[in-house]
């Protein structure tokens, strides 16, 4: 479970850029999407701007979780508790992205807290506290 959901999270973070790039192509056209961003660039759709922000959050959140997950895998690859935390982290991060994209602020924060909580519990677990 731990390896599978850590890999799924990496895959998710690796492809979550696609929706806002598609919007950039639709809004700015091919040449506008390929150009360097500047003050005269046509703004992207509000949902795409939120998707870009959510993707940035996912990248920043995955780094510490991924390191901790790798440490947990080295200690005990079949650890059910660490696997459960990886599942929680994955679904919380995907939920955060979708909710952020939809612009639902309170639920977005709660989803992020779920991912951050899984990271904190993973750190405690790797340190042998839990």
Protein backbone atom coordinates (compact mmCIF):
# COMPACT_ATOMS: atom_id res chain seq x y z
CA UNK A 1 0.00 0.00 0.00
CA UNK A 2 2.72 2.47 0.97
CA UNK A 3 4.63 2.06 -2.28
CA UNK A 4 1.49 2.06 -4.41
CA UNK A 5 -0.04 5.22 -2.95
CA UNK A 6 3.27 7.07 -2.84
CA UNK A 7 3.70 6.25 -6.53
CA UNK A 8 0.10 7.29 -7.28
CA UNK A 9 0.74 10.59 -5.51
CA UNK A 10 3.89 11.15 -7.56
CA UNK A 11 1.94 10.37 -10.72
CA UNK A 12 -0.85 12.75 -9.69
CA UNK A 13 1.58 15.57 -8.94
CA UNK A 14 3.32 14.81 -12.23
CA UNK A 15 0.17 15.26 -14.35
CA UNK A 16 -1.81 17.85 -12.37
CA UNK A 17 -0.30 20.61 -14.52
CA UNK A 18 -2.21 19.44 -17.61
CA UNK A 19 -5.57 21.18 -17.01
CA UNK A 20 -4.10 24.64 -16.64
CA UNK A 21 -1.85 24.17 -19.66
CA UNK A 22 -4.90 23.13 -21.71
CA UNK A 23 -6.65 26.29 -20.52
CA UNK A 24 -3.61 28.37 -21.49
CA UNK A 25 -3.77 26.89 -25.00
CA UNK A 26 -7.51 27.60 -25.24
CA UNK A 27 -7.25 31.15 -23.87
CA UNK A 28 -3.99 32.30 -25.48
CA UNK A 29 -3.66 30.05 -28.48
CA UNK A 30 -0.62 27.94 -29.32
CA UNK A 31 1.82 30.81 -29.81
CA UNK A 32 0.56 32.63 -26.73
CA UNK A 33 0.90 29.48 -24.65
CA UNK A 34 4.46 28.95 -25.92
CA UNK A 35 5.51 32.56 -25.37
CA UNK A 36 7.20 33.81 -22.21
CA UNK A 37 4.61 35.11 -19.76
CA UNK A 38 4.44 38.87 -19.60
CA UNK A 39 2.23 41.70 -18.41
CA UNK A 40 0.42 41.80 -21.75
CA UNK A 41 -0.47 38.07 -21.72
CA UNK A 42 -4.16 37.23 -21.77
CA UNK A 43 -5.12 36.10 -18.24
CA UNK A 44 -6.03 32.49 -17.80
CA UNK A 45 -9.45 31.39 -16.59
CA UNK A 46 -10.00 31.76 -12.85
CA UNK A 47 -10.34 27.98 -12.41
CA UNK A 48 -7.02 27.44 -14.23
CA UNK A 49 -5.27 29.97 -12.01
CA UNK A 50 -6.59 28.09 -8.99
CA UNK A 51 -5.49 24.76 -10.53
CA UNK A 52 -1.98 26.15 -10.96
CA UNK A 53 -1.91 27.25 -7.31
CA UNK A 54 -3.22 23.84 -6.19
CA UNK A 55 -0.52 22.11 -8.25
CA UNK A 56 2.16 24.24 -6.59
CA UNK A 57 0.78 23.30 -3.17
CA UNK A 58 0.81 19.62 -4.17
CA UNK A 59 4.46 19.83 -5.21
CA UNK A 60 5.42 21.54 -1.97
CA UNK A 61 3.41 19.10 0.16
CA UNK A 62 4.64 15.96 -1.60
CA UNK A 63 8.33 16.61 -1.02
CA UNK A 64 8.36 16.07 2.75
CA UNK A 65 5.76 13.33 2.59
CA UNK A 66 7.67 11.51 -0.15
CA UNK A 67 10.91 11.59 1.82
CA UNK A 68 9.16 10.28 4.91
CA UNK A 69 7.38 7.58 2.90
CA UNK A 70 10.71 6.42 1.47
CA UNK A 71 12.15 6.26 4.98
CA UNK A 72 9.13 4.25 6.13
CA UNK A 73 9.55 1.89 3.16
CA UNK A 74 13.17 1.27 4.11
CA UNK A 75 12.21 0.53 7.71
CA UNK A 76 9.22 -1.69 7.08
CA UNK A 77 7.85 -1.98 3.51
CA UNK A 78 4.67 -3.78 4.61
CA UNK A 79 3.79 -1.38 7.44
CA UNK A 80 0.00 -1.04 7.38
CA UNK A 81 -0.03 2.21 9.38
CA UNK A 82 2.37 3.94 6.98
CA UNK A 83 0.34 2.58 4.06
CA UNK A 84 -2.84 4.01 5.55
CA UNK A 85 -1.15 7.40 5.93
CA UNK A 86 -0.12 7.24 2.27
CA UNK A 87 -3.73 6.55 1.29
CA UNK A 88 -4.96 9.47 3.39
CA UNK A 89 -2.28 11.76 1.94
CA UNK A 90 -3.10 10.78 -1.65
CA UNK A 91 -6.85 11.28 -1.37
CA UNK A 92 -6.49 14.48 0.66
CA UNK A 93 -4.11 15.93 -1.94
CA UNK A 94 -6.38 15.01 -4.86
CA UNK A 95 -9.39 16.38 -2.98
CA UNK A 96 -7.46 19.58 -2.23
CA UNK A 97 -6.70 20.05 -5.92
CA UNK A 98 -10.27 19.45 -7.08
CA UNK A 99 -11.80 21.56 -4.32
CA UNK A 100 -9.28 24.36 -4.94
CA UNK A 101 -10.07 24.22 -8.66
CA UNK A 102 -13.78 24.60 -7.83
CA UNK A 103 -13.04 27.54 -5.51
CA UNK A 104 -14.49 26.08 -2.30
CA UNK A 105 -12.28 27.68 0.33
CA UNK A 106 -13.23 26.02 3.63
CA UNK A 107 -13.22 22.47 2.25
CA UNK A 108 -9.94 23.22 0.44
CA UNK A 109 -8.32 24.08 3.76
CA UNK A 110 -9.72 20.97 5.44
CA UNK A 111 -8.38 18.76 2.65
CA UNK A 112 -4.96 20.36 3.01
CA UNK A 113 -5.07 19.80 6.77
CA UNK A 114 -5.73 16.11 6.05
CA UNK A 115 -2.62 15.90 3.86
CA UNK A 116 -0.51 17.89 6.33
CA UNK A 117 -1.77 15.74 9.18
CA UNK A 118 -0.79 12.57 7.33
CA UNK A 119 2.68 14.05 6.81
CA UNK A 120 3.01 14.93 10.49
CA UNK A 121 1.87 11.47 11.58
CA UNK A 122 4.27 9.87 9.08
CA UNK A 123 7.13 11.90 10.57
CA UNK A 124 6.19 10.78 14.07
CA UNK A 125 5.93 7.20 12.85
CA UNK A 126 9.34 7.28 11.16
CA UNK A 127 10.82 8.80 14.33
CA UNK A 128 9.30 5.94 16.34
CA UNK A 129 6.92 8.10 18.35
CA UNK A 130 3.74 6.38 17.12
